[in-house]
Amino acid sequence: RFPLFSVSVFIVGLLRSDSEGFTDTGPWLCQPAPRCGDQTYDPLEQCCDNDTILPLNTTRLCVPNCIFYPCFQHCCLESQGSQNQAVVTFKVPGMKPDCRSSPISRTCAQVSL
């Protein structure tokens, strides 16, 4: 029988000998990178909006004085009689934006037709 200490030293030595010369470059990818159209993108820094890769902090104008983040929100224009109302809704990950069922982030403005 081998003493437990000797076995432990052997295993640690074996593990170290296999890893010599190996440089850890960060986490290994276990899943394919997300795609936007025919390109890949980094979801920690970018998003895919209508087959266009955008930085996460990109803003757009929904209506005058109403900015939204297309990576996280969607601009919806709703008609109610003679009034148009701009509503910013949250995007639900993995689903196409739907103005009727997405949670409302805020109401921007009412504009007369």
PDB file of N, CA and C in Angstrom:
ATOM      1  N   ARG A   1       0.823  -1.193   0.000  1.00  0.00           N
ATOM      2  CA  ARG A   1       0.000   0.000   0.000  1.00  0.00           C
ATOM      3  C   ARG A   1       0.858   1.245   0.000  1.00  0.00           C
ATOM      4  N   PHE A   2       0.317   2.277  -0.659  1.00  0.00           N
ATOM      5  CA  PHE A   2       0.993   3.572  -0.658  1.00  0.00           C
ATOM      6  C   PHE A   2       0.378   4.446   0.415  1.00  0.00           C
ATOM      7  N   PRO A   3       1.189   5.192   1.124  1.00  0.00           N
ATOM      8  CA  PRO A   3       0.610   6.143   2.079  1.00  0.00           C
ATOM      9  C   PRO A   3      -0.191   7.201   1.321  1.00  0.00           C
ATOM     10  N   LEU A   4      -1.259   7.687   1.944  1.00  0.00           N
ATOM     11  CA  LEU A   4      -2.137   8.677   1.324  1.00  0.00           C
ATOM     12  C   LEU A   4      -1.366   9.916   0.891  1.00  0.00           C
ATOM     13  N   PHE A   5      -0.416  10.356   1.687  1.00  0.00           N
ATOM     14  CA  PHE A   5       0.368  11.542   1.350  1.00  0.00           C
ATOM     15  C   PHE A   5       1.142  11.323   0.058  1.00  0.00           C
ATOM     16  N   SER A   6       1.745  10.173  -0.130  1.00  0.00           N
ATOM     17  CA  SER A   6       2.515   9.882  -1.342  1.00  0.00           C
ATOM     18  C   SER A   6       1.625   9.870  -2.579  1.00  0.00           C
ATOM     19  N   VAL A   7       0.439   9.308  -2.453  1.00  0.00           N
ATOM     20  CA  VAL A   7      -0.497   9.265  -3.571  1.00  0.00           C
ATOM     21  C   VAL A   7      -0.919  10.684  -3.938  1.00  0.00           C
ATOM     22  N   SER A   8      -1.195  11.507  -2.923  1.00  0.00           N
ATOM     23  CA  SER A   8      -1.604  12.891  -3.174  1.00  0.00           C
ATOM     24  C   SER A   8      -0.504  13.664  -3.877  1.00  0.00           C
ATOM     25  N   VAL A   9       0.742  13.515  -3.426  1.00  0.00           N
ATOM     26  CA  VAL A   9       1.864  14.208  -4.052  1.00  0.00           C
ATOM     27  C   VAL A   9       2.030  13.742  -5.492  1.00  0.00           C
ATOM     28  N   PHE A  10       1.857  12.447  -5.755  1.00  0.00           N
ATOM     29  CA  PHE A  10       1.969  11.911  -7.101  1.00  0.00           C
ATOM     30  C   PHE A  10       0.898  12.509  -8.020  1.00  0.00           C
ATOM     31  N   ILE A  11      -0.346  12.574  -7.550  1.00  0.00           N
ATOM     32  CA  ILE A  11      -1.451  13.103  -8.361  1.00  0.00           C
ATOM     33  C   ILE A  11      -1.234  14.584  -8.649  1.00  0.00           C
ATOM     34  N   VAL A  12      -0.847  15.346  -7.640  1.00  0.00           N
ATOM     35  CA  VAL A  12      -0.602  16.777  -7.838  1.00  0.00           C
ATOM     36  C   VAL A  12       0.540  16.970  -8.828  1.00  0.00           C
ATOM     37  N   GLY A  13       1.610  16.202  -8.699  1.00  0.00           N
ATOM     38  CA  GLY A  13       2.733  16.282  -9.628  1.00  0.00           C
ATOM     39  C   GLY A  13       2.324  15.928 -11.041  1.00  0.00           C
ATOM     40  N   LEU A  14       1.481  14.914 -11.184  1.00  0.00           N
ATOM     41  CA  LEU A  14       1.003  14.502 -12.493  1.00  0.00           C
ATOM     42  C   LEU A  14       0.162  15.606 -13.129  1.00  0.00           C
ATOM     43  N   LEU A  15      -0.723  16.189 -12.348  1.00  0.00           N
ATOM     44  CA  LEU A  15      -1.566  17.274 -12.860  1.00  0.00           C
ATOM     45  C   LEU A  15      -0.729  18.476 -13.279  1.00  0.00           C
ATOM     46  N   ARG A  16       0.269  18.805 -12.493  1.00  0.00           N
ATOM     47  CA  ARG A  16       1.120  19.947 -12.821  1.00  0.00           C
ATOM     48  C   ARG A  16       1.939  19.686 -14.077  1.00  0.00           C
ATOM     49  N   SER A  17       2.423  18.475 -14.259  1.00  0.00           N
ATOM     50  CA  SER A  17       3.247  18.182 -15.429  1.00  0.00           C
ATOM     51  C   SER A  17       2.431  18.287 -16.711  1.00  0.00           C
ATOM     52  N   ASP A  18       1.114  17.970 -16.659  1.00  0.00           N
ATOM     53  CA  ASP A  18       0.270  18.073 -17.844  1.00  0.00           C
ATOM     54  C   ASP A  18      -0.051  19.513 -18.199  1.00  0.00           C
ATOM     55  N   SER A  19      -0.020  20.407 -17.219  1.00  0.00           N
ATOM     56  CA  SER A  19      -0.441  21.776 -17.473  1.00  0.00           C
ATOM     57  C   SER A  19       0.717  22.720 -17.748  1.00  0.00           C
ATOM     58  N   GLU A  20       1.956  22.222 -17.719  1.00  0.00           N
ATOM     59  CA  GLU A  20       3.095  23.099 -17.988  1.00  0.00           C
ATOM     60  C   GLU A  20       3.028  23.612 -19.412  1.00  0.00           C
ATOM     61  N   GLY A  21       3.312  24.895 -19.579  1.00  0.00           N
ATOM     62  CA  GLY A  21       3.282  25.496 -20.898  1.00  0.00           C
ATOM     63  C   GLY A  21       1.893  25.892 -21.352  1.00  0.00           C
ATOM     64  N   PHE A  22       0.882  25.593 -20.583  1.00  0.00           N
ATOM     65  CA  PHE A  22      -0.487  25.948 -20.941  1.00  0.00           C
ATOM     66  C   PHE A  22      -0.826  27.291 -20.326  1.00  0.00           C
ATOM     67  N   THR A  23      -1.293  28.213 -21.119  1.00  0.00           N
ATOM     68  CA  THR A  23      -1.692  29.527 -20.633  1.00  0.00           C
ATOM     69  C   THR A  23      -3.208  29.607 -20.671  1.00  0.00           C
ATOM     70  N   ASP A  24      -3.799  29.892 -19.542  1.00  0.00           N
ATOM     71  CA  ASP A  24      -5.252  30.024 -19.469  1.00  0.00           C
ATOM     72  C   ASP A  24      -5.641  31.372 -20.068  1.00  0.00           C
ATOM     73  N   THR A  25      -6.435  31.346 -21.125  1.00  0.00           N
ATOM     74  CA  THR A  25      -6.845  32.580 -21.788  1.00  0.00           C
ATOM     75  C   THR A  25      -8.254  32.992 -21.400  1.00  0.00           C
ATOM     76  N   GLY A  26      -8.783  32.449 -20.345  1.00  0.00           N
ATOM     77  CA  GLY A  26     -10.132  32.801 -19.918  1.00  0.00           C
ATOM     78  C   GLY A  26     -11.059  31.613 -20.048  1.00  0.00           C
ATOM     79  N   PRO A  27     -12.346  31.862 -19.870  1.00  0.00           N
ATOM     80  CA  PRO A  27     -13.312  30.754 -19.920  1.00  0.00           C
ATOM     81  C   PRO A  27     -13.390  30.150 -21.320  1.00  0.00           C
ATOM     82  N   TRP A  28     -13.550  28.842 -21.353  1.00  0.00           N
ATOM     83  CA  TRP A  28     -13.695  28.151 -22.621  1.00  0.00           C
ATOM     84  C   TRP A  28     -15.146  28.224 -23.051  1.00  0.00           C
ATOM     85  N   LEU A  29     -15.362  28.391 -24.340  1.00  0.00           N
ATOM     86  CA  LEU A  29     -16.729  28.442 -24.849  1.00  0.00           C
ATOM     87  C   LEU A  29     -17.295  27.036 -24.926  1.00  0.00           C
ATOM     88  N   CYS A  30     -18.443  26.866 -24.322  1.00  0.00           N
ATOM     89  CA  CYS A  30     -19.109  25.569 -24.336  1.00  0.00           C
ATOM     90  C   CYS A  30     -20.245  25.558 -25.347  1.00  0.00           C
ATOM     91  N   GLN A  31     -20.667  26.734 -25.778  1.00  0.00           N
ATOM     92  CA  GLN A  31     -21.769  26.848 -26.713  1.00  0.00           C
ATOM     93  C   GLN A  31     -21.310  27.696 -27.893  1.00  0.00           C
ATOM     94  N   PRO A  32     -21.938  27.524 -29.057  1.00  0.00           N
ATOM     95  CA  PRO A  32     -21.560  28.360 -30.190  1.00  0.00           C
ATOM     96  C   PRO A  32     -21.888  29.825 -29.907  1.00  0.00           C
ATOM     97  N   ALA A  33     -21.099  30.718 -30.486  1.00  0.00           N
ATOM     98  CA  ALA A  33     -21.335  32.156 -30.319  1.00  0.00           C
ATOM     99  C   ALA A  33     -22.670  32.524 -30.960  1.00  0.00           C
ATOM    100  N   PRO A  34     -23.390  33.490 -30.374  1.00  0.00           N
ATOM    101  CA  PRO A  34     -24.665  33.910 -30.974  1.00  0.00           C
ATOM    102  C   PRO A  34     -24.434  34.504 -32.363  1.00  0.00           C
ATOM    103  N   ARG A  35     -25.424  34.346 -33.210  1.00  0.00           N
ATOM    104  CA  ARG A  35     -25.316  34.851 -34.582  1.00  0.00           C
ATOM    105  C   ARG A  35     -26.358  35.914 -34.837  1.00  0.00           C
ATOM    106  N   CYS A  36     -25.967  36.841 -35.710  1.00  0.00           N
ATOM    107  CA  CYS A  36     -26.860  37.910 -36.161  1.00  0.00           C
ATOM    108  C   CYS A  36     -26.750  37.901 -37.676  1.00  0.00           C
ATOM    109  N   GLY A  37     -27.760  37.371 -38.337  1.00  0.00           N
ATOM    110  CA  GLY A  37     -27.632  37.158 -39.768  1.00  0.00           C
ATOM    111  C   GLY A  37     -26.547  36.123 -39.995  1.00  0.00           C
ATOM    112  N   ASP A  38     -25.502  36.482 -40.737  1.00  0.00           N
ATOM    113  CA  ASP A  38     -24.414  35.547 -40.987  1.00  0.00           C
ATOM    114  C   ASP A  38     -23.158  35.882 -40.180  1.00  0.00           C
ATOM    115  N   GLN A  39     -23.267  36.787 -39.203  1.00  0.00           N
ATOM    116  CA  GLN A  39     -22.118  37.178 -38.386  1.00  0.00           C
ATOM    117  C   GLN A  39     -22.314  36.748 -36.936  1.00  0.00           C
ATOM    118  N   THR A  40     -21.191  36.505 -36.241  1.00  0.00           N
ATOM    119  CA  THR A  40     -21.254  36.233 -34.807  1.00  0.00           C
ATOM    120  C   THR A  40     -21.021  37.534 -34.061  1.00  0.00           C
ATOM    121  N   TYR A  41     -21.494  37.595 -32.796  1.00  0.00           N
ATOM    122  CA  TYR A  41     -21.292  38.797 -31.993  1.00  0.00           C
ATOM    123  C   TYR A  41     -21.090  38.416 -30.538  1.00  0.00           C
ATOM    124  N   ASP A  42     -20.559  39.354 -29.766  1.00  0.00           N
ATOM    125  CA  ASP A  42     -20.294  39.153 -28.345  1.00  0.00           C
ATOM    126  C   ASP A  42     -21.475  39.696 -27.540  1.00  0.00           C
ATOM    127  N   PRO A  43     -22.304  38.831 -26.949  1.00  0.00           N
ATOM    128  CA  PRO A  43     -23.500  39.294 -26.246  1.00  0.00           C
ATOM    129  C   PRO A  43     -23.195  40.089 -24.969  1.00  0.00           C
ATOM    130  N   LEU A  44     -21.940  40.107 -24.520  1.00  0.00           N
ATOM    131  CA  LEU A  44     -21.582  40.932 -23.372  1.00  0.00           C
ATOM    132  C   LEU A  44     -21.356  42.380 -23.779  1.00  0.00           C
ATOM    133  N   GLU A  45     -21.182  42.624 -25.092  1.00  0.00           N
ATOM    134  CA  GLU A  45     -20.916  43.978 -25.573  1.00  0.00           C
ATOM    135  C   GLU A  45     -21.860  44.424 -26.682  1.00  0.00           C
ATOM    136  N   GLN A  46     -22.574  43.474 -27.298  1.00  0.00           N
ATOM    137  CA  GLN A  46     -23.381  43.794 -28.466  1.00  0.00           C
ATOM    138  C   GLN A  46     -24.712  43.049 -28.426  1.00  0.00           C
ATOM    139  N   CYS A  47     -25.624  43.486 -29.310  1.00  0.00           N
ATOM    140  CA  CYS A  47     -26.888  42.761 -29.484  1.00  0.00           C
ATOM    141  C   CYS A  47     -27.194  42.699 -30.970  1.00  0.00           C
ATOM    142  N   CYS A  48     -28.178  41.906 -31.311  1.00  0.00           N
ATOM    143  CA  CYS A  48     -28.642  41.788 -32.692  1.00  0.00           C
ATOM    144  C   CYS A  48     -30.032  42.396 -32.760  1.00  0.00           C
ATOM    145  N   ASP A  49     -30.181  43.436 -33.577  1.00  0.00           N
ATOM    146  CA  ASP A  49     -31.472  44.096 -33.743  1.00  0.00           C
ATOM    147  C   ASP A  49     -31.782  44.144 -35.234  1.00  0.00           C
ATOM    148  N   ASN A  50     -32.783  43.397 -35.656  1.00  0.00           N
ATOM    149  CA  ASN A  50     -33.156  43.326 -37.072  1.00  0.00           C
ATOM    150  C   ASN A  50     -31.957  42.999 -37.963  1.00  0.00           C
ATOM    151  N   ASP A  51     -31.230  41.949 -37.616  1.00  0.00           N
ATOM    152  CA  ASP A  51     -30.053  41.485 -38.365  1.00  0.00           C
ATOM    153  C   ASP A  51     -28.927  42.508 -38.437  1.00  0.00           C
ATOM    154  N   THR A  52     -28.884  43.431 -37.462  1.00  0.00           N
ATOM    155  CA  THR A  52     -27.808  44.413 -37.365  1.00  0.00           C
ATOM    156  C   THR A  52     -27.176  44.296 -35.992  1.00  0.00           C
ATOM    157  N   ILE A  53     -25.845  44.215 -35.950  1.00  0.00           N
ATOM    158  CA  ILE A  53     -25.127  44.145 -34.678  1.00  0.00           C
ATOM    159  C   ILE A  53     -24.944  45.567 -34.142  1.00  0.00           C
ATOM    160  N   LEU A  54     -25.398  45.779 -32.900  1.00  0.00           N
ATOM    161  CA  LEU A  54     -25.316  47.098 -32.267  1.00  0.00           C
ATOM    162  C   LEU A  54     -24.578  47.001 -30.933  1.00  0.00           C
ATOM    163  N   PRO A  55     -23.838  48.060 -30.546  1.00  0.00           N
ATOM    164  CA  PRO A  55     -23.312  48.108 -29.175  1.00  0.00           C
ATOM    165  C   PRO A  55     -24.488  48.178 -28.192  1.00  0.00           C
ATOM    166  N   LEU A  56     -24.325  47.595 -27.002  1.00  0.00           N
ATOM    167  CA  LEU A  56     -25.424  47.557 -26.022  1.00  0.00           C
ATOM    168  C   LEU A  56     -25.923  48.941 -25.631  1.00  0.00           C
ATOM    169  N   ASN A  57     -25.066  49.965 -25.685  1.00  0.00           N
ATOM    170  CA  ASN A  57     -25.480  51.300 -25.238  1.00  0.00           C
ATOM    171  C   ASN A  57     -26.057  52.158 -26.367  1.00  0.00           C
ATOM    172  N   THR A  58     -26.350  51.565 -27.527  1.00  0.00           N
ATOM    173  CA  THR A  58     -26.945  52.308 -28.636  1.00  0.00           C
ATOM    174  C   THR A  58     -28.326  52.813 -28.243  1.00  0.00           C
ATOM    175  N   THR A  59     -28.617  54.079 -28.614  1.00  0.00           N
ATOM    176  CA  THR A  59     -29.951  54.640 -28.380  1.00  0.00           C
ATOM    177  C   THR A  59     -30.550  55.064 -29.717  1.00  0.00           C
ATOM    178  N   ARG A  60     -31.872  55.107 -29.731  1.00  0.00           N
ATOM    179  CA  ARG A  60     -32.611  55.591 -30.901  1.00  0.00           C
ATOM    180  C   ARG A  60     -33.756  56.461 -30.414  1.00  0.00           C
ATOM    181  N   LEU A  61     -34.290  57.234 -31.337  1.00  0.00           N
ATOM    182  CA  LEU A  61     -35.419  58.098 -31.025  1.00  0.00           C
ATOM    183  C   LEU A  61     -36.710  57.393 -31.416  1.00  0.00           C
ATOM    184  N   CYS A  62     -37.610  57.237 -30.451  1.00  0.00           N
ATOM    185  CA  CYS A  62     -38.912  56.621 -30.716  1.00  0.00           C
ATOM    186  C   CYS A  62     -39.817  57.689 -31.339  1.00  0.00           C
ATOM    187  N   VAL A  63     -40.013  58.762 -30.638  1.00  0.00           N
ATOM    188  CA  VAL A  63     -40.678  59.985 -31.094  1.00  0.00           C
ATOM    189  C   VAL A  63     -39.861  61.131 -30.492  1.00  0.00           C
ATOM    190  N   PRO A  64     -40.104  62.384 -30.889  1.00  0.00           N
ATOM    191  CA  PRO A  64     -39.333  63.475 -30.289  1.00  0.00           C
ATOM    192  C   PRO A  64     -39.355  63.411 -28.757  1.00  0.00           C
ATOM    193  N   ASN A  65     -38.208  63.618 -28.164  1.00  0.00           N
ATOM    194  CA  ASN A  65     -38.025  63.604 -26.703  1.00  0.00           C
ATOM    195  C   ASN A  65     -38.277  62.247 -26.069  1.00  0.00           C
ATOM    196  N   CYS A  66     -38.105  61.173 -26.822  1.00  0.00           N
ATOM    197  CA  CYS A  66     -38.319  59.830 -26.271  1.00  0.00           C
ATOM    198  C   CYS A  66     -37.253  58.888 -26.821  1.00  0.00           C
ATOM    199  N   ILE A  67     -36.191  58.697 -26.043  1.00  0.00           N
ATOM    200  CA  ILE A  67     -35.078  57.838 -26.432  1.00  0.00           C
ATOM    201  C   ILE A  67     -35.313  56.437 -25.866  1.00  0.00           C
ATOM    202  N   PHE A  68     -34.916  55.421 -26.647  1.00  0.00           N
ATOM    203  CA  PHE A  68     -34.989  54.047 -26.149  1.00  0.00           C
ATOM    204  C   PHE A  68     -33.727  53.302 -26.559  1.00  0.00           C
ATOM    205  N   TYR A  69     -33.462  52.178 -25.893  1.00  0.00           N
ATOM    206  CA  TYR A  69     -32.308  51.318 -26.157  1.00  0.00           C
ATOM    207  C   TYR A  69     -32.771  50.114 -26.969  1.00  0.00           C
ATOM    208  N   PRO A  70     -32.451  50.064 -28.279  1.00  0.00           N
ATOM    209  CA  PRO A  70     -32.965  48.970 -29.114  1.00  0.00           C
ATOM    210  C   PRO A  70     -32.472  47.579 -28.716  1.00  0.00           C
ATOM    211  N   CYS A  71     -31.400  47.484 -27.932  1.00  0.00           N
ATOM    212  CA  CYS A  71     -30.953  46.171 -27.468  1.00  0.00           C
ATOM    213  C   CYS A  71     -31.874  45.619 -26.379  1.00  0.00           C
ATOM    214  N   PHE A  72     -32.575  46.507 -25.681  1.00  0.00           N
ATOM    215  CA  PHE A  72     -33.387  46.088 -24.540  1.00  0.00           C
ATOM    216  C   PHE A  72     -34.850  46.496 -24.646  1.00  0.00           C
ATOM    217  N   GLN A  73     -35.144  47.423 -25.545  1.00  0.00           N
ATOM    218  CA  GLN A  73     -36.488  47.981 -25.632  1.00  0.00           C
ATOM    219  C   GLN A  73     -36.956  48.050 -27.083  1.00  0.00           C
ATOM    220  N   HIS A  74     -38.254  48.276 -27.234  1.00  0.00           N
ATOM    221  CA  HIS A  74     -38.876  48.377 -28.556  1.00  0.00           C
ATOM    222  C   HIS A  74     -39.817  49.567 -28.536  1.00  0.00           C
ATOM    223  N   CYS A  75     -39.846  50.326 -29.625  1.00  0.00           N
ATOM    224  CA  CYS A  75     -40.739  51.479 -29.735  1.00  0.00           C
ATOM    225  C   CYS A  75     -42.027  51.046 -30.424  1.00  0.00           C
ATOM    226  N   CYS A  76     -43.150  51.308 -29.785  1.00  0.00           N
ATOM    227  CA  CYS A  76     -44.455  50.949 -30.345  1.00  0.00           C
ATOM    228  C   CYS A  76     -45.288  52.206 -30.522  1.00  0.00           C
ATOM    229  N   LEU A  77     -45.868  52.352 -31.694  1.00  0.00           N
ATOM    230  CA  LEU A  77     -46.786  53.465 -31.943  1.00  0.00           C
ATOM    231  C   LEU A  77     -48.195  52.896 -31.990  1.00  0.00           C
ATOM    232  N   GLU A  78     -49.048  53.408 -31.119  1.00  0.00           N
ATOM    233  CA  GLU A  78     -50.414  52.904 -31.018  1.00  0.00           C
ATOM    234  C   GLU A  78     -51.391  54.008 -31.373  1.00  0.00           C
ATOM    235  N   SER A  79     -52.406  53.659 -32.118  1.00  0.00           N
ATOM    236  CA  SER A  79     -53.459  54.616 -32.461  1.00  0.00           C
ATOM    237  C   SER A  79     -54.666  54.379 -31.578  1.00  0.00           C
ATOM    238  N   GLN A  80     -55.179  55.462 -31.012  1.00  0.00           N
ATOM    239  CA  GLN A  80     -56.410  55.405 -30.214  1.00  0.00           C
ATOM    240  C   GLN A  80     -57.302  56.549 -30.668  1.00  0.00           C
ATOM    241  N   GLY A  81     -58.165  56.266 -31.637  1.00  0.00           N
ATOM    242  CA  GLY A  81     -59.017  57.324 -32.190  1.00  0.00           C
ATOM    243  C   GLY A  81     -58.183  58.312 -32.981  1.00  0.00           C
ATOM    244  N   SER A  82     -58.239  59.587 -32.600  1.00  0.00           N
ATOM    245  CA  SER A  82     -57.471  60.615 -33.307  1.00  0.00           C
ATOM    246  C   SER A  82     -56.109  60.859 -32.648  1.00  0.00           C
ATOM    247  N   GLN A  83     -55.767  60.051 -31.652  1.00  0.00           N
ATOM    248  CA  GLN A  83     -54.502  60.215 -30.930  1.00  0.00           C
ATOM    249  C   GLN A  83     -53.541  59.079 -31.269  1.00  0.00           C
ATOM    250  N   ASN A  84     -52.266  59.412 -31.414  1.00  0.00           N
ATOM    251  CA  ASN A  84     -51.200  58.418 -31.524  1.00  0.00           C
ATOM    252  C   ASN A  84     -50.428  58.449 -30.223  1.00  0.00           C
ATOM    253  N   GLN A  85     -50.118  57.301 -29.708  1.00  0.00           N
ATOM    254  CA  GLN A  85     -49.372  57.209 -28.459  1.00  0.00           C
ATOM    255  C   GLN A  85     -48.118  56.378 -28.707  1.00  0.00           C
ATOM    256  N   ALA A  86     -46.968  56.902 -28.255  1.00  0.00           N
ATOM    257  CA  ALA A  86     -45.713  56.164 -28.357  1.00  0.00           C
ATOM    258  C   ALA A  86     -45.459  55.479 -27.020  1.00  0.00           C
ATOM    259  N   VAL A  87     -45.203  54.176 -27.085  1.00  0.00           N
ATOM    260  CA  VAL A  87     -44.955  53.390 -25.883  1.00  0.00           C
ATOM    261  C   VAL A  87     -43.646  52.630 -26.086  1.00  0.00           C
ATOM    262  N   VAL A  88     -42.795  52.649 -25.079  1.00  0.00           N
ATOM    263  CA  VAL A  88     -41.563  51.868 -25.120  1.00  0.00           C
ATOM    264  C   VAL A  88     -41.795  50.614 -24.284  1.00  0.00           C
ATOM    265  N   THR A  89     -41.585  49.455 -24.907  1.00  0.00           N
ATOM    266  CA  THR A  89     -41.779  48.191 -24.206  1.00  0.00           C
ATOM    267  C   THR A  89     -40.438  47.481 -24.046  1.00  0.00           C
ATOM    268  N   PHE A  90     -40.372  46.591 -23.073  1.00  0.00           N
ATOM    269  CA  PHE A  90     -39.169  45.790 -22.868  1.00  0.00           C
ATOM    270  C   PHE A  90     -39.146  44.663 -23.897  1.00  0.00           C
ATOM    271  N   LYS A  91     -37.951  44.335 -24.376  1.00  0.00           N
ATOM    272  CA  LYS A  91     -37.806  43.166 -25.232  1.00  0.00           C
ATOM    273  C   LYS A  91     -37.682  41.951 -24.334  1.00  0.00           C
ATOM    274  N   VAL A  92     -38.377  40.898 -24.681  1.00  0.00           N
ATOM    275  CA  VAL A  92     -38.295  39.645 -23.945  1.00  0.00           C
ATOM    276  C   VAL A  92     -37.254  38.784 -24.652  1.00  0.00           C
ATOM    277  N   PRO A  93     -36.164  38.398 -23.960  1.00  0.00           N
ATOM    278  CA  PRO A  93     -35.102  37.623 -24.613  1.00  0.00           C
ATOM    279  C   PRO A  93     -35.643  36.374 -25.300  1.00  0.00           C
ATOM    280  N   GLY A  94     -35.169  36.161 -26.529  1.00  0.00           N
ATOM    281  CA  GLY A  94     -35.552  34.982 -27.282  1.00  0.00           C
ATOM    282  C   GLY A  94     -36.871  35.102 -28.019  1.00  0.00           C
ATOM    283  N   MET A  95     -37.539  36.255 -27.894  1.00  0.00           N
ATOM    284  CA  MET A  95     -38.819  36.431 -28.572  1.00  0.00           C
ATOM    285  C   MET A  95     -38.786  37.697 -29.417  1.00  0.00           C
ATOM    286  N   LYS A  96     -39.548  37.702 -30.503  1.00  0.00           N
ATOM    287  CA  LYS A  96     -39.653  38.903 -31.326  1.00  0.00           C
ATOM    288  C   LYS A  96     -40.477  39.934 -30.554  1.00  0.00           C
ATOM    289  N   PRO A  97     -40.129  41.227 -30.692  1.00  0.00           N
ATOM    290  CA  PRO A  97     -40.904  42.262 -29.989  1.00  0.00           C
ATOM    291  C   PRO A  97     -42.375  42.229 -30.405  1.00  0.00           C
ATOM    292  N   ASP A  98     -43.243  42.294 -29.428  1.00  0.00           N
ATOM    293  CA  ASP A  98     -44.680  42.306 -29.669  1.00  0.00           C
ATOM    294  C   ASP A  98     -45.274  43.426 -28.821  1.00  0.00           C
ATOM    295  N   CYS A  99     -45.770  44.452 -29.472  1.00  0.00           N
ATOM    296  CA  CYS A  99     -46.269  45.629 -28.750  1.00  0.00           C
ATOM    297  C   CYS A  99     -47.449  45.301 -27.831  1.00  0.00           C
ATOM    298  N   ARG A 100     -48.230  44.290 -28.176  1.00  0.00           N
ATOM    299  CA  ARG A 100     -49.410  43.975 -27.365  1.00  0.00           C
ATOM    300  C   ARG A 100     -49.098  43.176 -26.114  1.00  0.00           C
ATOM    301  N   SER A 101     -48.067  42.322 -26.189  1.00  0.00           N
ATOM    302  CA  SER A 101     -47.838  41.440 -25.046  1.00  0.00           C
ATOM    303  C   SER A 101     -46.569  41.745 -24.248  1.00  0.00           C
ATOM    304  N   SER A 102     -45.683  42.593 -24.780  1.00  0.00           N
ATOM    305  CA  SER A 102     -44.447  42.913 -24.056  1.00  0.00           C
ATOM    306  C   SER A 102     -44.724  43.874 -22.913  1.00  0.00           C
ATOM    307  N   PRO A 103     -44.004  43.725 -21.792  1.00  0.00           N
ATOM    308  CA  PRO A 103     -44.202  44.639 -20.656  1.00  0.00           C
ATOM    309  C   PRO A 103     -43.830  46.078 -21.036  1.00  0.00           C
ATOM    310  N   ILE A 104     -44.642  47.031 -20.612  1.00  0.00           N
ATOM    311  CA  ILE A 104     -44.410  48.444 -20.930  1.00  0.00           C
ATOM    312  C   ILE A 104     -43.326  49.015 -20.026  1.00  0.00           C
ATOM    313  N   SER A 105     -42.367  49.679 -20.647  1.00  0.00           N
ATOM    314  CA  SER A 105     -41.313  50.376 -19.916  1.00  0.00           C
ATOM    315  C   SER A 105     -41.772  51.782 -19.551  1.00  0.00           C
ATOM    316  N   ARG A 106     -42.319  52.503 -20.556  1.00  0.00           N
ATOM    317  CA  ARG A 106     -42.859  53.835 -20.298  1.00  0.00           C
ATOM    318  C   ARG A 106     -43.688  54.304 -21.479  1.00  0.00           C
ATOM    319  N   THR A 107     -44.558  55.270 -21.241  1.00  0.00           N
ATOM    320  CA  THR A 107     -45.338  55.926 -22.272  1.00  0.00           C
ATOM    321  C   THR A 107     -44.648  57.246 -22.592  1.00  0.00           C
ATOM    322  N   CYS A 108     -44.418  57.495 -23.866  1.00  0.00           N
ATOM    323  CA  CYS A 108     -43.637  58.683 -24.252  1.00  0.00           C
ATOM    324  C   CYS A 108     -44.492  59.909 -24.477  1.00  0.00           C
ATOM    325  N   ALA A 109     -45.432  59.831 -25.400  1.00  0.00           N
ATOM    326  CA  ALA A 109     -46.162  61.038 -25.757  1.00  0.00           C
ATOM    327  C   ALA A 109     -47.446  60.683 -26.489  1.00  0.00           C
ATOM    328  N   GLN A 110     -48.339  61.630 -26.489  1.00  0.00           N
ATOM    329  CA  GLN A 110     -49.531  61.516 -27.313  1.00  0.00           C
ATOM    330  C   GLN A 110     -49.446  62.607 -28.366  1.00  0.00           C
ATOM    331  N   VAL A 111     -49.655  62.234 -29.622  1.00  0.00           N
ATOM    332  CA  VAL A 111     -49.535  63.169 -30.716  1.00  0.00           C
ATOM    333  C   VAL A 111     -50.838  63.147 -31.497  1.00  0.00           C
ATOM    334  N   SER A 112     -51.397  64.313 -31.782  1.00  0.00           N
ATOM    335  CA  SER A 112     -52.639  64.397 -32.563  1.00  0.00           C
ATOM    336  C   SER A 112     -52.341  64.136 -34.023  1.00  0.00           C
ATOM    337  N   LEU A 113     -53.270  63.471 -34.693  1.00  0.00           N
ATOM    338  CA  LEU A 113     -53.110  63.208 -36.132  1.00  0.00           C
ATOM    339  C   LEU A 113     -53.509  64.412 -36.948  1.00  0.00           C
TER     340      LEU A 113
END
